[in-house]
N, C-alpha and C. Protein backbone atom coordinates (compact mmCIF):
# COMPACT_ATOMS: atom_id res chain seq x y z
N MET A 1 9.43 25.13 3.75
CA MET A 1 9.17 24.13 4.70
C MET A 1 10.48 23.51 5.19
N ALA A 2 10.55 23.31 6.51
CA ALA A 2 11.78 22.78 7.08
C ALA A 2 11.98 21.30 6.66
N GLU A 3 13.22 20.93 6.52
CA GLU A 3 13.57 19.57 6.18
C GLU A 3 13.32 18.66 7.37
N ARG A 4 12.82 17.51 7.11
CA ARG A 4 12.58 16.57 8.19
C ARG A 4 13.89 15.88 8.61
N THR A 5 14.07 15.86 9.91
CA THR A 5 15.30 15.21 10.41
C THR A 5 14.99 14.38 11.65
N GLY A 6 15.90 13.58 12.05
CA GLY A 6 15.79 12.81 13.26
C GLY A 6 14.59 11.91 13.31
N PRO A 7 13.87 11.90 14.44
CA PRO A 7 12.69 11.00 14.61
C PRO A 7 11.59 11.27 13.59
N VAL A 8 11.42 12.52 13.21
CA VAL A 8 10.40 12.86 12.23
C VAL A 8 10.72 12.21 10.91
N GLN A 9 11.95 12.27 10.48
CA GLN A 9 12.35 11.60 9.20
C GLN A 9 12.20 10.14 9.30
N ALA A 10 12.57 9.55 10.43
CA ALA A 10 12.43 8.10 10.63
C ALA A 10 11.01 7.68 10.53
N GLN A 11 10.08 8.45 11.13
CA GLN A 11 8.65 8.10 11.06
C GLN A 11 8.14 8.25 9.64
N HIS A 12 8.55 9.25 8.93
CA HIS A 12 8.17 9.46 7.55
C HIS A 12 8.64 8.27 6.69
N ARG A 13 9.85 7.83 6.88
CA ARG A 13 10.35 6.70 6.16
C ARG A 13 9.57 5.41 6.47
N ALA A 14 9.25 5.22 7.75
CA ALA A 14 8.43 4.07 8.14
C ALA A 14 7.08 4.10 7.51
N ASP A 15 6.46 5.28 7.46
CA ASP A 15 5.13 5.41 6.85
C ASP A 15 5.19 5.09 5.37
N GLU A 16 6.20 5.64 4.70
CA GLU A 16 6.34 5.41 3.27
C GLU A 16 6.63 3.93 2.98
N ALA A 17 7.39 3.33 3.83
CA ALA A 17 7.67 1.90 3.67
C ALA A 17 6.40 1.05 3.80
N ALA A 18 5.56 1.46 4.75
CA ALA A 18 4.28 0.77 4.90
C ALA A 18 3.41 0.89 3.68
N VAL A 19 3.35 2.03 3.04
CA VAL A 19 2.62 2.24 1.84
C VAL A 19 3.16 1.38 0.71
N GLN A 20 4.47 1.40 0.55
CA GLN A 20 5.10 0.61 -0.50
C GLN A 20 4.91 -0.89 -0.29
N THR A 21 4.97 -1.35 0.94
CA THR A 21 4.78 -2.78 1.23
C THR A 21 3.33 -3.18 0.91
N ALA A 22 2.40 -2.35 1.29
CA ALA A 22 0.99 -2.66 1.01
C ALA A 22 0.73 -2.69 -0.48
N TYR A 23 1.27 -1.70 -1.21
CA TYR A 23 1.10 -1.63 -2.66
C TYR A 23 1.72 -2.83 -3.36
N THR A 24 2.90 -3.20 -2.94
CA THR A 24 3.61 -4.36 -3.53
C THR A 24 2.81 -5.61 -3.28
N ALA A 25 2.28 -5.81 -2.11
CA ALA A 25 1.44 -7.01 -1.84
C ALA A 25 0.20 -7.03 -2.74
N PHE A 26 -0.40 -5.91 -2.92
CA PHE A 26 -1.59 -5.85 -3.80
C PHE A 26 -1.24 -6.18 -5.25
N ILE A 27 -0.22 -5.57 -5.73
CA ILE A 27 0.21 -5.77 -7.12
C ILE A 27 0.67 -7.22 -7.38
N GLN A 28 1.44 -7.74 -6.48
CA GLN A 28 1.89 -9.14 -6.65
C GLN A 28 0.75 -10.09 -6.62
N HIS A 29 -0.20 -9.84 -5.75
CA HIS A 29 -1.38 -10.76 -5.73
C HIS A 29 -2.17 -10.68 -7.03
N THR A 30 -2.46 -9.52 -7.52
CA THR A 30 -3.24 -9.39 -8.77
C THR A 30 -2.49 -9.96 -9.98
N GLN A 31 -1.21 -9.97 -9.95
CA GLN A 31 -0.45 -10.54 -11.07
C GLN A 31 -0.51 -12.05 -11.05
N LYS A 32 -0.64 -12.66 -9.86
CA LYS A 32 -0.62 -14.11 -9.73
C LYS A 32 -2.00 -14.71 -9.64
N CYS A 33 -3.02 -13.95 -9.34
CA CYS A 33 -4.36 -14.44 -9.08
C CYS A 33 -5.12 -14.51 -10.41
N THR A 34 -5.50 -15.71 -10.79
CA THR A 34 -6.21 -15.95 -12.04
C THR A 34 -7.53 -15.19 -12.09
N PRO A 35 -8.39 -15.24 -11.09
CA PRO A 35 -9.62 -14.48 -11.18
C PRO A 35 -9.41 -12.95 -11.32
N CYS A 36 -8.42 -12.46 -10.63
CA CYS A 36 -8.14 -11.02 -10.78
C CYS A 36 -7.72 -10.67 -12.19
N ARG A 37 -6.92 -11.54 -12.81
CA ARG A 37 -6.40 -11.29 -14.20
C ARG A 37 -7.49 -11.53 -15.21
N THR A 38 -8.32 -12.57 -15.05
CA THR A 38 -9.21 -12.95 -16.13
C THR A 38 -10.56 -12.27 -16.00
N ASP A 39 -11.05 -12.03 -14.79
CA ASP A 39 -12.35 -11.45 -14.60
C ASP A 39 -12.34 -9.90 -14.69
N GLY A 40 -11.16 -9.32 -14.50
CA GLY A 40 -11.07 -7.87 -14.59
C GLY A 40 -11.62 -7.17 -13.34
N ALA A 41 -11.80 -7.95 -12.27
CA ALA A 41 -12.27 -7.37 -11.03
C ALA A 41 -11.47 -7.98 -9.88
N ASP A 42 -11.37 -7.28 -8.79
CA ASP A 42 -10.63 -7.78 -7.64
C ASP A 42 -11.36 -8.91 -6.97
N CYS A 43 -10.61 -9.95 -6.58
CA CYS A 43 -11.20 -11.02 -5.73
C CYS A 43 -11.26 -10.49 -4.32
N GLY A 44 -11.73 -11.26 -3.39
CA GLY A 44 -11.81 -10.84 -2.02
C GLY A 44 -10.48 -10.47 -1.38
N THR A 45 -9.49 -11.27 -1.66
CA THR A 45 -8.16 -10.99 -1.15
C THR A 45 -7.59 -9.71 -1.71
N ALA A 46 -7.76 -9.51 -3.03
CA ALA A 46 -7.28 -8.33 -3.63
C ALA A 46 -7.99 -7.08 -3.08
N SER A 47 -9.29 -7.21 -2.82
CA SER A 47 -10.03 -6.08 -2.27
C SER A 47 -9.48 -5.70 -0.88
N ALA A 48 -9.19 -6.70 -0.08
CA ALA A 48 -8.63 -6.42 1.24
C ALA A 48 -7.23 -5.83 1.13
N LEU A 49 -6.44 -6.32 0.22
CA LEU A 49 -5.09 -5.75 0.02
C LEU A 49 -5.18 -4.31 -0.50
N ARG A 50 -6.09 -4.05 -1.38
CA ARG A 50 -6.26 -2.67 -1.91
C ARG A 50 -6.71 -1.74 -0.75
N GLN A 51 -7.62 -2.22 0.08
CA GLN A 51 -8.06 -1.38 1.22
C GLN A 51 -6.93 -1.09 2.20
N THR A 52 -6.05 -2.12 2.42
CA THR A 52 -4.91 -1.92 3.26
C THR A 52 -3.97 -0.86 2.70
N TRP A 53 -3.76 -0.90 1.37
CA TRP A 53 -2.94 0.09 0.72
C TRP A 53 -3.55 1.47 0.85
N ARG A 54 -4.87 1.60 0.62
CA ARG A 54 -5.52 2.91 0.75
C ARG A 54 -5.44 3.43 2.18
N ASP A 55 -5.61 2.56 3.15
CA ASP A 55 -5.51 2.97 4.55
C ASP A 55 -4.09 3.48 4.88
N ALA A 56 -3.09 2.80 4.34
CA ALA A 56 -1.70 3.22 4.56
C ALA A 56 -1.46 4.59 3.93
N ARG A 57 -1.96 4.79 2.73
CA ARG A 57 -1.80 6.12 2.05
C ARG A 57 -2.51 7.22 2.86
N THR A 58 -3.69 6.91 3.34
CA THR A 58 -4.44 7.90 4.11
C THR A 58 -3.72 8.23 5.41
N ALA A 59 -3.11 7.25 6.06
CA ALA A 59 -2.37 7.51 7.29
C ALA A 59 -1.19 8.43 7.05
N VAL A 60 -0.56 8.26 5.91
CA VAL A 60 0.62 9.09 5.58
C VAL A 60 0.18 10.53 5.24
N ALA A 61 -0.97 10.66 4.64
CA ALA A 61 -1.45 11.95 4.21
C ALA A 61 -1.89 12.85 5.38
N VAL A 62 -2.24 12.17 6.49
CA VAL A 62 -2.76 12.96 7.61
C VAL A 62 -1.71 13.61 8.39
């Protein structure tokens, strides 16, 4: 497979950054959110953040 360069590499990096940003937001929320930590289930905000992360991963995979 050819190595990604130029605009293609820049887009790949931007996509990967979006995935990492979404994942970081989800993890940071669940670490600070008492219901997420004590109930063992995602609160509404965590569910939305998890879905954003999944959507970002799916966009990169396509």
